[in-house]
């Protein structure tokens, strides 16, 4: 279904792809860390309030968002929730990435049981049928009531994506949906691509400052070849912001640079193990290694030993001091003896 709209020139200059703020910010590292993304299909951008989860009339988004917050400490996987476009037949459907699992027809009364079964305990939902879905999924922020930049850029990007997908005969492989606020309105157009790599692992990659002219590259380079478009890349699922900033020149995880990074991490892990192995070990293998970066701190630790291993180090240091003190005393006595001998001879 086409979402083509005519955007006034003044709106395009102020809110669209020609606005002054475009390309003024480094995008890499602008994604908050998360490891699982839950999309709730619910109505469409024209019906969404600025904060969909606060609606007092459309309760399902609010109930699911509240349940996730209330069970946050029980959910071991850092989970992000976003609303995506639905309709009469798909409202209440829940898509979960990277698991690529769908549950259909979540209702208000089902929310607590769903969250407990699926997101807290990692089990299939007892009251629903679990479906596995495939393909590449593109979620475009079109949340115009939250920020007009997304309201102007989002629909235009969706039109271009659907046009290019259809011309390539990929309608059964690549799916485009509008979504609510994902963070970073100033980076509009914003979109997230969930697509399998060469090993079949689904990865979520975020892009910003995307314009319709970038759409062919996203399809041909990112989805088809698994290569990041560096100048538009914001980050990815499963990476902290600082990691995303460092990885803006890397390919997807099936690329050579990623393999080098993993090898480097394994090497660092081995080094860390060797360092730990060289530390003194306390009871039950608990290390009591101290940070020796500060002489003042080390001196304080010598004066205030804690634990058996710390006590041993203190005693060893004390014994060393005693030896040095003894040597100094013996040297002083010898010096006095020599001086006295010389005195006697001269007298």
Foldseek 3Di string as FASTA:
>chain_A
DAPDDDDDPVCCCPQNLNDPLFLVDQQFLQAAAFAKEKEFAAAALVPAALPNLPDPVPPPSVLLVVLCVVCVVLQPGGYHYWYWHDDPQAGGWMAMPPQQKIWGDHDSVCRNQCCVACRRVNHPRPPTDIDHDAAKEKEWACNCNNPVSSVVQRSQQVNLLVVVCVVVVNPVHYYYIYIHDRDDSSQPRKMWMFAADPVGGTKIWIFGSDHSVCNVCCVVPCRVPQADPLSGTNAIHRDHSVVRNVCSHDGPCVDPVVVVVVVVVVVVVVVVVVVLVPADADPPRHGPDDDPPDPVVVVVCLVVPDDPVSVVVNVVVVVVVVVVVVVVVVVVVVVVVVVVVVVVVVD
